[in-house]
Amino acid sequence: GAPAPVAPTPATASKGIAAARVAGQGKDMKLKFRYDASAPDAYPIVQVTYEIVCDKGNQKTTLPALKSFLTYTASKVGQKDLSRLNYAPLPESVAGQVRDVVDTLS
């Protein structure tokens, strides 16, 4: 376990997300979390919100809005806005992967 108890805050939850690994394959961004509290200063009990979208075959009329929304929420500005609402921002390594997947939507 961790050397000391960790309070649940957006910053410590983000560290808990950073300790997770991407368990999905290809464009599947499913995360596998470490609930053993072994990462210092990381709150290990987090719940992420997944956005499930089609990777291809999206309507041409709605695809730009979908990509815009997902790109914004995974952007540095979007992540900063989320933390003001007491959501834990994604670590940049994960957010960058999300942006890469969003770029491929068609």
PDB file of N, CA and C in Angstrom:
ATOM      1  N   GLY A   1       0.800  -1.180   0.000  1.00  0.00           N
ATOM      2  CA  GLY A   1       0.000   0.000   0.000  1.00  0.00           C
ATOM      3  C   GLY A   1       0.850   1.255   0.000  1.00  0.00           C
ATOM      4  N   ALA A   2       0.185   2.364  -0.042  1.00  0.00           N
ATOM      5  CA  ALA A   2       0.861   3.659  -0.033  1.00  0.00           C
ATOM      6  C   ALA A   2       1.457   3.913   1.347  1.00  0.00           C
ATOM      7  N   PRO A   3       2.507   4.723   1.421  1.00  0.00           N
ATOM      8  CA  PRO A   3       3.142   4.988   2.711  1.00  0.00           C
ATOM      9  C   PRO A   3       2.271   5.794   3.666  1.00  0.00           C
ATOM     10  N   ALA A   4       1.268   6.515   3.143  1.00  0.00           N
ATOM     11  CA  ALA A   4       0.391   7.327   3.990  1.00  0.00           C
ATOM     12  C   ALA A   4      -0.972   7.450   3.315  1.00  0.00           C
ATOM     13  N   PRO A   5      -2.029   7.697   4.109  1.00  0.00           N
ATOM     14  CA  PRO A   5      -3.347   7.900   3.506  1.00  0.00           C
ATOM     15  C   PRO A   5      -3.323   9.091   2.541  1.00  0.00           C
ATOM     16  N   VAL A   6      -4.168   9.017   1.521  1.00  0.00           N
ATOM     17  CA  VAL A   6      -4.232  10.063   0.499  1.00  0.00           C
ATOM     18  C   VAL A   6      -5.658  10.583   0.435  1.00  0.00           C
ATOM     19  N   ALA A   7      -5.805  11.889   0.519  1.00  0.00           N
ATOM     20  CA  ALA A   7      -7.134  12.508   0.430  1.00  0.00           C
ATOM     21  C   ALA A   7      -7.621  12.488  -1.021  1.00  0.00           C
ATOM     22  N   PRO A   8      -8.937  12.321  -1.210  1.00  0.00           N
ATOM     23  CA  PRO A   8      -9.473  12.348  -2.575  1.00  0.00           C
ATOM     24  C   PRO A   8      -9.616  13.784  -3.080  1.00  0.00           C
ATOM     25  N   THR A   9      -8.762  14.177  -3.990  1.00  0.00           N
ATOM     26  CA  THR A   9      -8.822  15.493  -4.629  1.00  0.00           C
ATOM     27  C   THR A   9      -8.670  15.278  -6.133  1.00  0.00           C
ATOM     28  N   PRO A  10      -9.012  16.265  -6.949  1.00  0.00           N
ATOM     29  CA  PRO A  10      -8.774  16.098  -8.386  1.00  0.00           C
ATOM     30  C   PRO A  10      -7.310  15.761  -8.707  1.00  0.00           C
ATOM     31  N   ALA A  11      -6.368  16.387  -8.010  1.00  0.00           N
ATOM     32  CA  ALA A  11      -4.946  16.135  -8.287  1.00  0.00           C
ATOM     33  C   ALA A  11      -4.537  14.711  -7.914  1.00  0.00           C
ATOM     34  N   THR A  12      -4.980  14.228  -6.742  1.00  0.00           N
ATOM     35  CA  THR A  12      -4.592  12.873  -6.340  1.00  0.00           C
ATOM     36  C   THR A  12      -5.333  11.821  -7.161  1.00  0.00           C
ATOM     37  N   ALA A  13      -6.565  12.124  -7.584  1.00  0.00           N
ATOM     38  CA  ALA A  13      -7.295  11.201  -8.458  1.00  0.00           C
ATOM     39  C   ALA A  13      -6.609  11.109  -9.818  1.00  0.00           C
ATOM     40  N   SER A  14      -6.107  12.231 -10.331  1.00  0.00           N
ATOM     41  CA  SER A  14      -5.369  12.212 -11.601  1.00  0.00           C
ATOM     42  C   SER A  14      -4.133  11.329 -11.494  1.00  0.00           C
ATOM     43  N   LYS A  15      -3.473  11.373 -10.348  1.00  0.00           N
ATOM     44  CA  LYS A  15      -2.311  10.502 -10.149  1.00  0.00           C
ATOM     45  C   LYS A  15      -2.738   9.037 -10.110  1.00  0.00           C
ATOM     46  N   GLY A  16      -3.924   8.773  -9.570  1.00  0.00           N
ATOM     47  CA  GLY A  16      -4.451   7.411  -9.592  1.00  0.00           C
ATOM     48  C   GLY A  16      -4.742   6.944 -11.008  1.00  0.00           C
ATOM     49  N   ILE A  17      -5.256   7.849 -11.840  1.00  0.00           N
ATOM     50  CA  ILE A  17      -5.503   7.516 -13.245  1.00  0.00           C
ATOM     51  C   ILE A  17      -4.172   7.284 -13.957  1.00  0.00           C
ATOM     52  N   ALA A  18      -3.170   8.093 -13.630  1.00  0.00           N
ATOM     53  CA  ALA A  18      -1.852   7.937 -14.254  1.00  0.00           C
ATOM     54  C   ALA A  18      -1.226   6.586 -13.926  1.00  0.00           C
ATOM     55  N   ALA A  19      -1.587   6.010 -12.781  1.00  0.00           N
ATOM     56  CA  ALA A  19      -1.053   4.703 -12.402  1.00  0.00           C
ATOM     57  C   ALA A  19      -1.750   3.565 -13.144  1.00  0.00           C
ATOM     58  N   ALA A  20      -2.865   3.874 -13.823  1.00  0.00           N
ATOM     59  CA  ALA A  20      -3.586   2.858 -14.599  1.00  0.00           C
ATOM     60  C   ALA A  20      -2.845   2.593 -15.903  1.00  0.00           C
ATOM     61  N   ARG A  21      -3.210   1.496 -16.540  1.00  0.00           N
ATOM     62  CA  ARG A  21      -2.656   1.225 -17.868  1.00  0.00           C
ATOM     63  C   ARG A  21      -3.806   1.027 -18.840  1.00  0.00           C
ATOM     64  N   VAL A  22      -3.560   1.344 -20.096  1.00  0.00           N
ATOM     65  CA  VAL A  22      -4.575   1.119 -21.124  1.00  0.00           C
ATOM     66  C   VAL A  22      -4.626  -0.378 -21.371  1.00  0.00           C
ATOM     67  N   ALA A  23      -5.785  -0.979 -21.094  1.00  0.00           N
ATOM     68  CA  ALA A  23      -5.947  -2.422 -21.233  1.00  0.00           C
ATOM     69  C   ALA A  23      -6.614  -2.795 -22.546  1.00  0.00           C
ATOM     70  N   GLY A  24      -7.217  -1.813 -23.207  1.00  0.00           N
ATOM     71  CA  GLY A  24      -7.861  -2.084 -24.484  1.00  0.00           C
ATOM     72  C   GLY A  24      -6.833  -2.199 -25.595  1.00  0.00           C
ATOM     73  N   GLN A  25      -7.314  -2.605 -26.756  1.00  0.00           N
ATOM     74  CA  GLN A  25      -6.438  -2.733 -27.916  1.00  0.00           C
ATOM     75  C   GLN A  25      -6.912  -1.796 -29.010  1.00  0.00           C
ATOM     76  N   GLY A  26      -5.988  -1.318 -29.819  1.00  0.00           N
ATOM     77  CA  GLY A  26      -6.355  -0.432 -30.914  1.00  0.00           C
ATOM     78  C   GLY A  26      -6.945   0.856 -30.386  1.00  0.00           C
ATOM     79  N   LYS A  27      -8.173   1.147 -30.796  1.00  0.00           N
ATOM     80  CA  LYS A  27      -8.830   2.395 -30.393  1.00  0.00           C
ATOM     81  C   LYS A  27      -9.613   2.261 -29.091  1.00  0.00           C
ATOM     82  N   ASP A  28      -9.605   1.087 -28.491  1.00  0.00           N
ATOM     83  CA  ASP A  28     -10.292   0.846 -27.218  1.00  0.00           C
ATOM     84  C   ASP A  28      -9.426   1.398 -26.092  1.00  0.00           C
ATOM     85  N   MET A  29      -9.893   2.454 -25.451  1.00  0.00           N
ATOM     86  CA  MET A  29      -9.109   3.140 -24.420  1.00  0.00           C
ATOM     87  C   MET A  29      -9.458   2.683 -22.999  1.00  0.00           C
ATOM     88  N   LYS A  30      -9.959   1.471 -22.866  1.00  0.00           N
ATOM     89  CA  LYS A  30     -10.316   0.959 -21.546  1.00  0.00           C
ATOM     90  C   LYS A  30      -9.086   0.972 -20.638  1.00  0.00           C
ATOM     91  N   LEU A  31      -9.275   1.461 -19.411  1.00  0.00           N
ATOM     92  CA  LEU A  31      -8.179   1.547 -18.451  1.00  0.00           C
ATOM     93  C   LEU A  31      -8.295   0.450 -17.399  1.00  0.00           C
ATOM     94  N   LYS A  32      -7.167  -0.085 -16.988  1.00  0.00           N
ATOM     95  CA  LYS A  32      -7.112  -1.049 -15.888  1.00  0.00           C
ATOM     96  C   LYS A  32      -6.420  -0.338 -14.728  1.00  0.00           C
ATOM     97  N   PHE A  33      -7.151  -0.199 -13.644  1.00  0.00           N
ATOM     98  CA  PHE A  33      -6.661   0.570 -12.501  1.00  0.00           C
ATOM     99  C   PHE A  33      -5.955  -0.301 -11.486  1.00  0.00           C
ATOM    100  N   ARG A  34      -5.059   0.336 -10.742  1.00  0.00           N
ATOM    101  CA  ARG A  34      -4.387  -0.300  -9.617  1.00  0.00           C
ATOM    102  C   ARG A  34      -5.088   0.193  -8.358  1.00  0.00           C
ATOM    103  N   TYR A  35      -5.818  -0.688  -7.729  1.00  0.00           N
ATOM    104  CA  TYR A  35      -6.567  -0.307  -6.530  1.00  0.00           C
ATOM    105  C   TYR A  35      -5.798  -0.599  -5.246  1.00  0.00           C
ATOM    106  N   ASP A  36      -4.539  -0.970  -5.373  1.00  0.00           N
ATOM    107  CA  ASP A  36      -3.760  -1.333  -4.189  1.00  0.00           C
ATOM    108  C   ASP A  36      -3.113  -0.138  -3.493  1.00  0.00           C
ATOM    109  N   ALA A  37      -3.348   1.045  -3.992  1.00  0.00           N
ATOM    110  CA  ALA A  37      -2.849   2.281  -3.362  1.00  0.00           C
ATOM    111  C   ALA A  37      -1.335   2.285  -3.228  1.00  0.00           C
ATOM    112  N   SER A  38      -0.643   1.718  -4.199  1.00  0.00           N
ATOM    113  CA  SER A  38       0.813   1.653  -4.081  1.00  0.00           C
ATOM    114  C   SER A  38       1.526   2.882  -4.645  1.00  0.00           C
ATOM    115  N   ALA A  39       0.866   3.668  -5.471  1.00  0.00           N
ATOM    116  CA  ALA A  39       1.509   4.867  -6.022  1.00  0.00           C
ATOM    117  C   ALA A  39       1.440   5.992  -4.987  1.00  0.00           C
ATOM    118  N   PRO A  40       2.576   6.578  -4.633  1.00  0.00           N
ATOM    119  CA  PRO A  40       2.563   7.656  -3.633  1.00  0.00           C
ATOM    120  C   PRO A  40       1.724   8.848  -4.099  1.00  0.00           C
ATOM    121  N   ASP A  41       0.992   9.426  -3.190  1.00  0.00           N
ATOM    122  CA  ASP A  41       0.164  10.608  -3.455  1.00  0.00           C
ATOM    123  C   ASP A  41      -0.919  10.378  -4.506  1.00  0.00           C
ATOM    124  N   ALA A  42      -1.275   9.124  -4.758  1.00  0.00           N
ATOM    125  CA  ALA A  42      -2.319   8.815  -5.741  1.00  0.00           C
ATOM    126  C   ALA A  42      -3.535   8.245  -5.021  1.00  0.00           C
ATOM    127  N   TYR A  43      -4.687   8.837  -5.278  1.00  0.00           N
ATOM    128  CA  TYR A  43      -5.931   8.292  -4.744  1.00  0.00           C
ATOM    129  C   TYR A  43      -6.376   7.202  -5.715  1.00  0.00           C
ATOM    130  N   PRO A  44      -6.433   5.939  -5.272  1.00  0.00           N
ATOM    131  CA  PRO A  44      -6.608   4.834  -6.212  1.00  0.00           C
ATOM    132  C   PRO A  44      -8.051   4.510  -6.599  1.00  0.00           C
ATOM    133  N   ILE A  45      -9.025   5.068  -5.914  1.00  0.00           N
ATOM    134  CA  ILE A  45     -10.417   4.687  -6.176  1.00  0.00           C
ATOM    135  C   ILE A  45     -11.053   5.764  -7.041  1.00  0.00           C
ATOM    136  N   VAL A  46     -10.954   5.592  -8.342  1.00  0.00           N
ATOM    137  CA  VAL A  46     -11.476   6.578  -9.282  1.00  0.00           C
ATOM    138  C   VAL A  46     -12.465   5.910 -10.228  1.00  0.00           C
ATOM    139  N   GLN A  47     -13.329   6.709 -10.771  1.00  0.00           N
ATOM    140  CA  GLN A  47     -14.268   6.236 -11.787  1.00  0.00           C
ATOM    141  C   GLN A  47     -14.158   7.195 -12.963  1.00  0.00           C
ATOM    142  N   VAL A  48     -13.826   6.657 -14.117  1.00  0.00           N
ATOM    143  CA  VAL A  48     -13.714   7.508 -15.300  1.00  0.00           C
ATOM    144  C   VAL A  48     -15.002   7.416 -16.106  1.00  0.00           C
ATOM    145  N   THR A  49     -15.268   8.463 -16.855  1.00  0.00           N
ATOM    146  CA  THR A  49     -16.415   8.488 -17.751  1.00  0.00           C
ATOM    147  C   THR A  49     -15.914   8.167 -19.145  1.00  0.00           C
ATOM    148  N   TYR A  50     -16.482   7.137 -19.735  1.00  0.00           N
ATOM    149  CA  TYR A  50     -16.106   6.750 -21.089  1.00  0.00           C
ATOM    150  C   TYR A  50     -17.126   7.302 -22.072  1.00  0.00           C
ATOM    151  N   GLU A  51     -16.649   7.810 -23.177  1.00  0.00           N
ATOM    152  CA  GLU A  51     -17.515   8.222 -24.276  1.00  0.00           C
ATOM    153  C   GLU A  51     -17.397   7.134 -25.335  1.00  0.00           C
ATOM    154  N   ILE A  52     -18.494   6.453 -25.604  1.00  0.00           N
ATOM    155  CA  ILE A  52     -18.483   5.362 -26.576  1.00  0.00           C
ATOM    156  C   ILE A  52     -19.045   5.890 -27.883  1.00  0.00           C
ATOM    157  N   VAL A  53     -18.210   5.881 -28.914  1.00  0.00           N
ATOM    158  CA  VAL A  53     -18.605   6.390 -30.224  1.00  0.00           C
ATOM    159  C   VAL A  53     -18.160   5.400 -31.296  1.00  0.00           C
ATOM    160  N   CYS A  54     -18.781   5.501 -32.452  1.00  0.00           N
ATOM    161  CA  CYS A  54     -18.380   4.673 -33.592  1.00  0.00           C
ATOM    162  C   CYS A  54     -17.089   5.225 -34.184  1.00  0.00           C
ATOM    163  N   ASP A  55     -16.167   4.339 -34.529  1.00  0.00           N
ATOM    164  CA  ASP A  55     -14.913   4.821 -35.115  1.00  0.00           C
ATOM    165  C   ASP A  55     -15.053   5.137 -36.597  1.00  0.00           C
ATOM    166  N   LYS A  56     -16.074   4.595 -37.242  1.00  0.00           N
ATOM    167  CA  LYS A  56     -16.337   4.919 -38.643  1.00  0.00           C
ATOM    168  C   LYS A  56     -17.831   4.799 -38.901  1.00  0.00           C
ATOM    169  N   GLY A  57     -18.262   5.402 -39.983  1.00  0.00           N
ATOM    170  CA  GLY A  57     -19.680   5.359 -40.329  1.00  0.00           C
ATOM    171  C   GLY A  57     -20.510   6.438 -39.666  1.00  0.00           C
ATOM    172  N   ASN A  58     -19.867   7.425 -39.056  1.00  0.00           N
ATOM    173  CA  ASN A  58     -20.606   8.529 -38.445  1.00  0.00           C
ATOM    174  C   ASN A  58     -21.217   9.402 -39.536  1.00  0.00           C
ATOM    175  N   GLN A  59     -22.319  10.059 -39.215  1.00  0.00           N
ATOM    176  CA  GLN A  59     -22.979  10.925 -40.186  1.00  0.00           C
ATOM    177  C   GLN A  59     -22.111  12.146 -40.469  1.00  0.00           C
ATOM    178  N   LYS A  60     -22.007  12.492 -41.742  1.00  0.00           N
ATOM    179  CA  LYS A  60     -21.185  13.642 -42.135  1.00  0.00           C
ATOM    180  C   LYS A  60     -21.687  14.938 -41.514  1.00  0.00           C
ATOM    181  N   THR A  61     -22.981  15.003 -41.227  1.00  0.00           N
ATOM    182  CA  THR A  61     -23.538  16.239 -40.661  1.00  0.00           C
ATOM    183  C   THR A  61     -23.226  16.398 -39.178  1.00  0.00           C
ATOM    184  N   THR A  62     -23.020  15.313 -38.468  1.00  0.00           N
ATOM    185  CA  THR A  62     -22.769  15.395 -37.025  1.00  0.00           C
ATOM    186  C   THR A  62     -21.320  15.111 -36.639  1.00  0.00           C
ATOM    187  N   LEU A  63     -20.535  14.540 -37.547  1.00  0.00           N
ATOM    188  CA  LEU A  63     -19.150  14.188 -37.230  1.00  0.00           C
ATOM    189  C   LEU A  63     -18.312  15.386 -36.782  1.00  0.00           C
ATOM    190  N   PRO A  64     -18.405  16.547 -37.438  1.00  0.00           N
ATOM    191  CA  PRO A  64     -17.594  17.682 -36.972  1.00  0.00           C
ATOM    192  C   PRO A  64     -17.900  18.084 -35.526  1.00  0.00           C
ATOM    193  N   ALA A  65     -19.163  18.087 -35.142  1.00  0.00           N
ATOM    194  CA  ALA A  65     -19.525  18.450 -33.766  1.00  0.00           C
ATOM    195  C   ALA A  65     -19.018  17.397 -32.780  1.00  0.00           C
ATOM    196  N   LEU A  66     -19.142  16.126 -33.140  1.00  0.00           N
ATOM    197  CA  LEU A  66     -18.660  15.045 -32.281  1.00  0.00           C
ATOM    198  C   LEU A  66     -17.157  15.171 -32.057  1.00  0.00           C
ATOM    199  N   LYS A  67     -16.417  15.337 -33.141  1.00  0.00           N
ATOM    200  CA  LYS A  67     -14.964  15.449 -33.025  1.00  0.00           C
ATOM    201  C   LYS A  67     -14.564  16.713 -32.264  1.00  0.00           C
ATOM    202  N   SER A  68     -15.282  17.799 -32.485  1.00  0.00           N
ATOM    203  CA  SER A  68     -14.984  19.049 -31.787  1.00  0.00           C
ATOM    204  C   SER A  68     -15.179  18.891 -30.284  1.00  0.00           C
ATOM    205  N   PHE A  69     -16.298  18.287 -29.886  1.00  0.00           N
ATOM    206  CA  PHE A  69     -16.579  18.081 -28.463  1.00  0.00           C
ATOM    207  C   PHE A  69     -15.514  17.200 -27.815  1.00  0.00           C
ATOM    208  N   LEU A  70     -15.218  16.067 -28.436  1.00  0.00           N
ATOM    209  CA  LEU A  70     -14.252  15.138 -27.853  1.00  0.00           C
ATOM    210  C   LEU A  70     -12.837  15.716 -27.842  1.00  0.00           C
ATOM    211  N   THR A  71     -12.482  16.443 -28.891  1.00  0.00           N
ATOM    212  CA  THR A  71     -11.165  17.081 -28.937  1.00  0.00           C
ATOM    213  C   THR A  71     -11.044  18.120 -27.828  1.00  0.00           C
ATOM    214  N   TYR A  72     -12.092  18.913 -27.647  1.00  0.00           N
ATOM    215  CA  TYR A  72     -12.069  19.933 -26.591  1.00  0.00           C
ATOM    216  C   TYR A  72     -11.955  19.295 -25.207  1.00  0.00           C
ATOM    217  N   THR A  73     -12.772  18.285 -24.937  1.00  0.00           N
ATOM    218  CA  THR A  73     -12.742  17.704 -23.592  1.00  0.00           C
ATOM    219  C   THR A  73     -11.405  17.041 -23.288  1.00  0.00           C
ATOM    220  N   ALA A  74     -10.699  16.560 -24.301  1.00  0.00           N
ATOM    221  CA  ALA A  74      -9.388  15.943 -24.084  1.00  0.00           C
ATOM    222  C   ALA A  74      -8.242  16.946 -24.206  1.00  0.00           C
ATOM    223  N   SER A  75      -8.562  18.198 -24.537  1.00  0.00           N
ATOM    224  CA  SER A  75      -7.516  19.219 -24.692  1.00  0.00           C
ATOM    225  C   SER A  75      -7.054  19.717 -23.322  1.00  0.00           C
ATOM    226  N   LYS A  76      -5.940  20.418 -23.311  1.00  0.00           N
ATOM    227  CA  LYS A  76      -5.438  20.984 -22.055  1.00  0.00           C
ATOM    228  C   LYS A  76      -6.428  21.990 -21.480  1.00  0.00           C
ATOM    229  N   VAL A  77      -7.036  22.797 -22.341  1.00  0.00           N
ATOM    230  CA  VAL A  77      -8.033  23.773 -21.875  1.00  0.00           C
ATOM    231  C   VAL A  77      -9.257  23.046 -21.324  1.00  0.00           C
ATOM    232  N   GLY A  78      -9.741  22.045 -22.044  1.00  0.00           N
ATOM    233  CA  GLY A  78     -10.906  21.283 -21.587  1.00  0.00           C
ATOM    234  C   GLY A  78     -10.646  20.573 -20.272  1.00  0.00           C
ATOM    235  N   GLN A  79      -9.475  19.987 -20.133  1.00  0.00           N
ATOM    236  CA  GLN A  79      -9.129  19.310 -18.889  1.00  0.00           C
ATOM    237  C   GLN A  79      -9.029  20.306 -17.739  1.00  0.00           C
ATOM    238  N   LYS A  80      -8.516  21.488 -18.008  1.00  0.00           N
ATOM    239  CA  LYS A  80      -8.437  22.523 -16.972  1.00  0.00           C
ATOM    240  C   LYS A  80      -9.842  22.945 -16.546  1.00  0.00           C
ATOM    241  N   ASP A  81     -10.747  23.101 -17.517  1.00  0.00           N
ATOM    242  CA  ASP A  81     -12.132  23.454 -17.195  1.00  0.00           C
ATOM    243  C   ASP A  81     -12.791  22.371 -16.354  1.00  0.00           C
ATOM    244  N   LEU A  82     -12.519  21.111 -16.656  1.00  0.00           N
ATOM    245  CA  LEU A  82     -13.106  20.016 -15.881  1.00  0.00           C
ATOM    246  C   LEU A  82     -12.632  20.039 -14.439  1.00  0.00           C
ATOM    247  N   SER A  83     -11.384  20.359 -14.224  1.00  0.00           N
ATOM    248  CA  SER A  83     -10.873  20.360 -12.848  1.00  0.00           C
ATOM    249  C   SER A  83     -11.517  21.460 -12.012  1.00  0.00           C
ATOM    250  N   ARG A  84     -11.946  22.548 -12.651  1.00  0.00           N
ATOM    251  CA  ARG A  84     -12.665  23.592 -11.906  1.00  0.00           C
ATOM    252  C   ARG A  84     -14.027  23.090 -11.438  1.00  0.00           C
ATOM    253  N   LEU A  85     -14.535  22.035 -12.077  1.00  0.00           N
ATOM    254  CA  LEU A  85     -15.816  21.439 -11.690  1.00  0.00           C
ATOM    255  C   LEU A  85     -15.615  20.239 -10.767  1.00  0.00           C
ATOM    256  N   ASN A  86     -14.404  20.108 -10.235  1.00  0.00           N
ATOM    257  CA  ASN A  86     -14.017  19.015  -9.337  1.00  0.00           C
ATOM    258  C   ASN A  86     -13.992  17.654 -10.008  1.00  0.00           C
ATOM    259  N   TYR A  87     -13.772  17.647 -11.310  1.00  0.00           N
ATOM    260  CA  TYR A  87     -13.468  16.407 -12.016  1.00  0.00           C
ATOM    261  C   TYR A  87     -11.956  16.299 -12.089  1.00  0.00           C
ATOM    262  N   ALA A  88     -11.460  15.092 -12.003  1.00  0.00           N
ATOM    263  CA  ALA A  88     -10.015  14.893 -12.096  1.00  0.00           C
ATOM    264  C   ALA A  88      -9.595  14.941 -13.557  1.00  0.00           C
ATOM    265  N   PRO A  89      -8.633  15.790 -13.881  1.00  0.00           N
ATOM    266  CA  PRO A  89      -8.164  15.826 -15.262  1.00  0.00           C
ATOM    267  C   PRO A  89      -7.404  14.549 -15.612  1.00  0.00           C
ATOM    268  N   LEU A  90      -7.493  14.159 -16.873  1.00  0.00           N
ATOM    269  CA  LEU A  90      -6.731  13.005 -17.336  1.00  0.00           C
ATOM    270  C   LEU A  90      -5.250  13.360 -17.376  1.00  0.00           C
ATOM    271  N   PRO A  91      -4.395  12.405 -17.070  1.00  0.00           N
ATOM    272  CA  PRO A  91      -2.970  12.658 -17.284  1.00  0.00           C
ATOM    273  C   PRO A  91      -2.744  12.938 -18.775  1.00  0.00           C
ATOM    274  N   GLU A  92      -1.779  13.764 -19.098  1.00  0.00           N
ATOM    275  CA  GLU A  92      -1.534  14.129 -20.500  1.00  0.00           C
ATOM    276  C   GLU A  92      -1.271  12.904 -21.363  1.00  0.00           C
ATOM    277  N   SER A  93      -0.634  11.881 -20.812  1.00  0.00           N
ATOM    278  CA  SER A  93      -0.365  10.673 -21.603  1.00  0.00           C
ATOM    279  C   SER A  93      -1.661  10.013 -22.066  1.00  0.00           C
ATOM    280  N   VAL A  94      -2.677  10.000 -21.223  1.00  0.00           N
ATOM    281  CA  VAL A  94      -3.972   9.416 -21.585  1.00  0.00           C
ATOM    282  C   VAL A  94      -4.751  10.374 -22.483  1.00  0.00           C
ATOM    283  N   ALA A  95      -4.784  11.656 -22.128  1.00  0.00           N
ATOM    284  CA  ALA A  95      -5.513  12.640 -22.935  1.00  0.00           C
ATOM    285  C   ALA A  95      -4.953  12.695 -24.352  1.00  0.00           C
ATOM    286  N   GLY A  96      -3.646  12.587 -24.496  1.00  0.00           N
ATOM    287  CA  GLY A  96      -3.031  12.576 -25.821  1.00  0.00           C
ATOM    288  C   GLY A  96      -3.473  11.385 -26.646  1.00  0.00           C
ATOM    289  N   GLN A  97      -3.589  10.226 -26.006  1.00  0.00           N
ATOM    290  CA  GLN A  97      -4.075   9.036 -26.712  1.00  0.00           C
ATOM    291  C   GLN A  97      -5.527   9.222 -27.134  1.00  0.00           C
ATOM    292  N   VAL A  98      -6.328   9.841 -26.272  1.00  0.00           N
ATOM    293  CA  VAL A  98      -7.727  10.112 -26.616  1.00  0.00           C
ATOM    294  C   VAL A  98      -7.783  11.017 -27.845  1.00  0.00           C
ATOM    295  N   ARG A  99      -6.993  12.069 -27.849  1.00  0.00           N
ATOM    296  CA  ARG A  99      -6.979  12.983 -29.006  1.00  0.00           C
ATOM    297  C   ARG A  99      -6.560  12.258 -30.282  1.00  0.00           C
ATOM    298  N   ASP A 100      -5.590  11.368 -30.175  1.00  0.00           N
ATOM    299  CA  ASP A 100      -5.155  10.600 -31.347  1.00  0.00           C
ATOM    300  C   ASP A 100      -6.289   9.744 -31.902  1.00  0.00           C
ATOM    301  N   VAL A 101      -7.058   9.108 -31.017  1.00  0.00           N
ATOM    302  CA  VAL A 101      -8.186   8.286 -31.462  1.00  0.00           C
ATOM    303  C   VAL A 101      -9.266   9.161 -32.084  1.00  0.00           C
ATOM    304  N   VAL A 102      -9.566  10.292 -31.466  1.00  0.00           N
ATOM    305  CA  VAL A 102     -10.597  11.196 -31.994  1.00  0.00           C
ATOM    306  C   VAL A 102     -10.237  11.646 -33.407  1.00  0.00           C
ATOM    307  N   ASP A 103      -8.972  11.903 -33.661  1.00  0.00           N
ATOM    308  CA  ASP A 103      -8.533  12.334 -34.995  1.00  0.00           C
ATOM    309  C   ASP A 103      -8.863  11.308 -36.075  1.00  0.00           C
ATOM    310  N   THR A 104      -8.977  10.031 -35.700  1.00  0.00           N
ATOM    311  CA  THR A 104      -9.216   8.977 -36.697  1.00  0.00           C
ATOM    312  C   THR A 104     -10.690   8.717 -36.962  1.00  0.00           C
ATOM    313  N   LEU A 105     -11.586   9.332 -36.192  1.00  0.00           N
ATOM    314  CA  LEU A 105     -13.015   9.078 -36.385  1.00  0.00           C
ATOM    315  C   LEU A 105     -13.439   9.521 -37.778  1.00  0.00           C
ATOM    316  N   SER A 106     -14.292   8.712 -38.389  1.00  0.00           N
ATOM    317  CA  SER A 106     -14.775   9.065 -39.725  1.00  0.00           C
ATOM    318  C   SER A 106     -16.241   8.698 -39.876  1.00  0.00           C
TER     319      SER A 106
END
